[in-house]
Amino acid sequence: MARSNPGSSTTPSAARSVWPPERKRVAAILRGLDRLYPEADCELHRDNPFQLLCATILSAQCTDERVNQVTPLLFAQFPTPAAMAMAPPPVLEELIHSTGFFRNKAKNLIGASHAIVERHGGQVPRTMAELCALPGVARKTANVVLGTAFGLAEGIVVDTHVQRLAQRLALTRSSTPEKIEQDLMTIIPREWWIQFSHHVIWHGRRCCFARRPDCEHCPLVPNCPSAFQVA
């Protein structure tokens, strides 16, 4: 018997057919991921909440690896919100050019830094509403900062890896990040929200790849409706 690899064809409709997932299966997935990646953490390099916020803004449509190559020099030149707020756009654009969409990202970095200085006394805010009011910050970025920097479980980060794996594992009945997050928040205990995203992102980068998931070596297969055997 050879195990086939589920491709990217897993659809929300397939997930809906087994919704809501059994608690035992969800618990088994959580335990399995925790055993696989006990050290899982956000892979964006940072020393403080402001650096994490900036790195997450830069990570849009860009790999964490690329962002980590850019941020050391960026933070050396503009280490604080006050310094970033005063950054000359051409200089900032040159520093972050390789992350893509560099003009818009530079505008957002400067705008968010201005807002942090003017509205929050130079400190990154700790609420979803305040974070989402910053330029360039939507719910996913806010969840990253709240969970990773402050340990606050206000939601679940849904990036491309979480979206893909949540659908393959039939943990969602939805297709948009916003609705996927709501589904996950319904079935995953709140104490797992922060680590769940780290675990799933690590698994998506190391095993459950977008094009050729390595089901043969995946210990989650017994609890994954998208994995199956063929002769």
Protein backbone atom coordinates (compact mmCIF):
# COMPACT_ATOMS: atom_id res chain seq x y z
CA MET A 1 0.00 0.00 0.00
CA ALA A 2 1.29 3.46 -0.87
CA ARG A 3 0.02 6.58 0.77
CA SER A 4 -1.13 9.30 -1.58
CA ASN A 5 -0.44 12.95 -1.01
CA PRO A 6 -3.48 15.20 -0.83
CA GLY A 7 -2.90 18.19 -3.03
CA SER A 8 -4.24 21.68 -2.61
CA SER A 9 -7.67 20.49 -3.76
CA THR A 10 -9.05 20.13 -0.23
CA THR A 11 -12.05 22.43 -0.18
CA PRO A 12 -14.22 24.07 2.47
CA SER A 13 -17.11 21.91 1.24
CA ALA A 14 -15.11 18.82 2.21
CA ALA A 15 -14.56 20.28 5.65
CA ARG A 16 -18.25 21.08 6.02
CA SER A 17 -19.13 17.42 5.53
CA VAL A 18 -17.50 16.55 8.88
CA TRP A 19 -18.33 19.74 10.76
CA PRO A 20 -18.16 20.13 13.69
CA PRO A 21 -15.09 17.95 14.18
CA GLU A 22 -15.11 15.51 17.05
CA ARG A 23 -13.50 16.84 20.22
CA LYS A 24 -11.32 13.74 20.47
CA ARG A 25 -9.92 14.33 17.00
CA VAL A 26 -9.24 18.01 17.68
CA ALA A 27 -7.53 17.11 20.97
CA ALA A 28 -5.44 14.46 19.22
CA ILE A 29 -4.31 17.01 16.60
CA LEU A 30 -3.37 19.52 19.30
CA ARG A 31 -1.40 16.91 21.24
CA GLY A 32 0.28 15.63 18.09
CA LEU A 33 1.42 19.08 17.03
CA ASP A 34 2.67 19.83 20.54
CA ARG A 35 4.75 16.65 20.56
CA LEU A 36 6.16 17.46 17.13
CA TYR A 37 7.07 21.08 17.84
CA PRO A 38 7.37 21.74 21.57
CA GLU A 39 9.72 24.65 20.86
CA ALA A 40 7.53 26.28 18.18
CA ASP A 41 7.54 30.07 18.19
CA CYS A 42 7.13 32.95 15.78
CA GLU A 43 10.09 32.76 13.39
CA LEU A 44 10.35 36.49 12.87
CA HIS A 45 13.47 37.76 14.68
CA ARG A 46 12.71 40.49 17.19
CA ASP A 47 13.80 41.88 20.54
CA ASN A 48 10.65 43.75 21.54
CA PRO A 49 6.99 44.28 20.58
CA PHE A 50 7.79 47.19 18.25
CA GLN A 51 10.25 45.13 16.27
CA LEU A 52 7.73 42.28 16.04
CA LEU A 53 5.07 44.68 14.79
CA CYS A 54 7.37 46.05 12.10
CA ALA A 55 8.56 42.59 11.06
CA THR A 56 4.99 41.34 10.78
CA ILE A 57 4.02 44.29 8.60
CA LEU A 58 6.99 43.48 6.36
CA SER A 59 6.04 39.79 6.20
CA ALA A 60 2.95 40.42 4.07
CA GLN A 61 3.48 38.59 0.75
CA CYS A 62 7.02 37.83 1.87
CA THR A 63 8.83 34.99 3.62
CA ASP A 64 9.98 35.27 7.22
CA GLU A 65 13.46 34.33 6.04
CA ARG A 66 13.61 37.37 3.78
CA VAL A 67 12.24 39.65 6.49
CA ASN A 68 14.87 38.38 8.91
CA GLN A 69 17.56 39.33 6.42
CA VAL A 70 16.24 42.88 6.22
CA THR A 71 15.36 43.77 9.80
CA PRO A 72 18.82 43.84 11.45
CA LEU A 73 19.91 46.86 9.42
CA LEU A 74 16.42 48.39 9.57
CA PHE A 75 16.30 48.24 13.37
CA ALA A 76 19.90 49.40 13.68
CA GLN A 77 18.99 52.61 11.87
CA PHE A 78 15.46 53.05 13.24
CA PRO A 79 15.28 51.23 16.58
CA THR A 80 12.27 52.97 18.15
CA PRO A 81 8.83 54.21 17.09
CA ALA A 82 10.08 57.79 17.36
CA ALA A 83 13.03 57.06 15.08
CA MET A 84 10.93 55.08 12.58
CA ALA A 85 8.31 57.83 12.47
CA MET A 86 10.99 60.25 11.27
CA ALA A 87 12.56 57.88 8.74
CA PRO A 88 13.01 59.45 5.26
CA PRO A 89 10.77 57.37 2.95
CA PRO A 90 13.47 56.86 0.27
CA VAL A 91 15.90 55.51 2.86
CA LEU A 92 13.28 53.23 4.37
CA GLU A 93 12.15 52.01 0.97
CA GLU A 94 15.70 51.07 0.06
CA LEU A 95 16.18 49.13 3.28
CA ILE A 96 13.00 47.07 2.83
CA HIS A 97 12.97 46.90 -0.96
CA SER A 98 13.53 43.14 -1.16
CA THR A 99 10.41 42.37 0.91
CA GLY A 100 8.14 43.54 -1.91
CA PHE A 101 5.44 46.24 -1.93
CA PHE A 102 8.14 48.37 -0.33
CA ARG A 103 6.52 51.78 -0.90
CA ASN A 104 3.28 50.82 0.80
CA LYS A 105 5.13 48.99 3.58
CA ALA A 106 7.37 51.99 4.20
CA LYS A 107 4.29 54.22 4.39
CA ASN A 108 2.69 51.85 6.88
CA LEU A 109 5.82 51.58 9.05
CA ILE A 110 6.06 55.35 9.28
CA GLY A 111 2.33 55.79 9.83
CA ALA A 112 2.10 53.11 12.51
CA SER A 113 5.14 54.55 14.28
CA HIS A 114 3.64 58.05 14.23
CA ALA A 115 0.43 56.69 15.73
CA ILE A 116 2.29 54.77 18.44
CA VAL A 117 4.20 57.91 19.44
CA GLU A 118 1.25 60.29 19.27
CA ARG A 119 -1.54 58.10 20.66
CA HIS A 120 0.20 55.54 22.85
CA GLY A 121 3.20 57.27 24.40
CA GLY A 122 5.68 55.36 22.27
CA GLN A 123 4.45 51.94 23.43
CA VAL A 124 2.87 49.33 21.19
CA PRO A 125 -0.79 49.06 22.28
CA ARG A 126 -2.13 45.87 23.82
CA THR A 127 -5.69 45.73 22.51
CA MET A 128 -7.08 44.42 19.25
CA ALA A 129 -8.96 47.63 18.52
CA GLU A 130 -5.97 49.89 19.11
CA LEU A 131 -3.63 47.71 17.06
CA CYS A 132 -6.04 47.44 14.14
CA ALA A 133 -6.33 51.24 14.11
CA LEU A 134 -2.63 51.48 13.20
CA PRO A 135 -1.74 51.85 9.50
CA GLY A 136 -0.86 48.53 7.91
CA VAL A 137 -2.27 46.47 10.78
CA ALA A 138 -5.21 44.11 10.31
CA ARG A 139 -6.45 41.33 12.53
CA LYS A 140 -3.77 38.78 11.61
CA THR A 141 -0.93 41.17 12.43
CA ALA A 142 -2.67 42.24 15.63
CA ASN A 143 -3.04 38.59 16.69
CA VAL A 144 0.66 37.98 16.07
CA VAL A 145 1.65 40.93 18.26
CA LEU A 146 -0.86 40.26 21.02
CA GLY A 147 -0.08 36.56 21.24
CA THR A 148 3.67 36.49 20.66
CA ALA A 149 4.73 39.77 22.28
CA PHE A 150 2.21 40.00 25.12
CA GLY A 151 0.84 36.48 25.61
CA LEU A 152 -2.71 37.70 25.05
CA ALA A 153 -5.03 35.21 23.34
CA GLU A 154 -7.54 37.48 21.65
CA GLY A 155 -7.79 35.38 18.50
CA ILE A 156 -5.96 32.89 16.29
CA VAL A 157 -3.44 33.89 13.65
CA VAL A 158 -4.64 32.70 10.24
CA ASP A 159 -1.92 32.98 7.62
CA THR A 160 -1.65 30.93 4.44
CA HIS A 161 -0.29 27.91 6.31
CA VAL A 162 -3.02 27.94 8.94
CA GLN A 163 -5.68 28.39 6.28
CA ARG A 164 -4.35 25.48 4.22
CA LEU A 165 -3.89 23.07 7.12
CA ALA A 166 -7.15 23.97 8.85
CA GLN A 167 -8.97 23.03 5.66
CA ARG A 168 -6.98 19.84 5.10
CA LEU A 169 -7.54 18.77 8.70
CA ALA A 170 -11.25 19.65 8.38
CA LEU A 171 -11.04 22.05 11.30
CA THR A 172 -12.96 24.69 9.39
CA ARG A 173 -16.00 24.92 7.14
CA SER A 174 -14.93 28.25 5.66
CA SER A 175 -12.65 29.69 3.00
CA THR A 176 -11.81 33.22 4.21
CA PRO A 177 -9.28 33.97 6.97
CA GLU A 178 -11.87 35.82 9.04
CA LYS A 179 -14.36 32.96 9.01
CA ILE A 180 -11.67 30.33 9.43
CA GLU A 181 -10.52 32.13 12.58
CA GLN A 182 -14.06 32.10 13.95
CA ASP A 183 -14.38 28.37 13.25
CA LEU A 184 -11.08 27.63 14.96
CA MET A 185 -11.94 29.76 17.96
CA THR A 186 -15.13 27.71 18.34
CA ILE A 187 -13.44 24.30 18.49
CA ILE A 188 -9.98 24.99 19.96
CA PRO A 189 -9.67 25.74 23.69
CA ARG A 190 -8.54 29.29 24.31
CA GLU A 191 -5.41 28.20 26.15
CA TRP A 192 -4.20 26.68 22.86
CA TRP A 193 -4.95 29.65 20.59
CA ILE A 194 -1.49 31.20 20.58
CA GLN A 195 0.54 28.01 20.35
CA PHE A 196 -1.83 26.40 17.85
CA SER A 197 -0.86 28.93 15.19
CA HIS A 198 2.86 28.48 15.86
CA HIS A 199 2.47 24.69 15.68
CA VAL A 200 0.46 24.74 12.46
CA ILE A 201 2.77 27.22 10.74
CA TRP A 202 5.79 25.09 11.64
CA HIS A 203 4.03 21.96 10.36
CA GLY A 204 3.07 23.72 7.14
CA ARG A 205 6.67 24.74 6.55
CA ARG A 206 8.21 21.40 7.48
CA CYS A 207 5.76 18.69 6.44
CA CYS A 208 2.33 19.68 5.11
CA PHE A 209 3.62 21.60 2.11
CA ALA A 210 1.27 23.39 -0.25
CA ARG A 211 2.06 21.34 -3.37
CA ARG A 212 3.42 18.03 -2.13
CA PRO A 213 2.52 17.39 1.52
CA ASP A 214 4.66 14.69 3.08
CA CYS A 215 1.82 12.50 4.33
CA GLU A 216 4.07 9.46 4.42
CA HIS A 217 5.99 10.91 7.37
CA CYS A 218 3.18 12.87 9.01
CA PRO A 219 2.03 11.60 12.42
CA LEU A 220 -1.24 13.53 12.05
CA VAL A 221 -2.43 11.28 9.22
CA PRO A 222 -4.75 9.15 11.45
CA ASN A 223 -6.67 12.33 12.27
CA CYS A 224 -6.46 14.01 8.85
CA PRO A 225 -9.45 13.46 6.55
CA SER A 226 -7.38 14.64 3.56
CA ALA A 227 -4.87 11.81 3.89
CA PHE A 228 -5.84 8.41 2.50
CA GLN A 229 -4.34 5.20 1.17
CA VAL A 230 -4.49 3.74 -2.30
CA ALA A 231 -3.18 0.49 -3.67
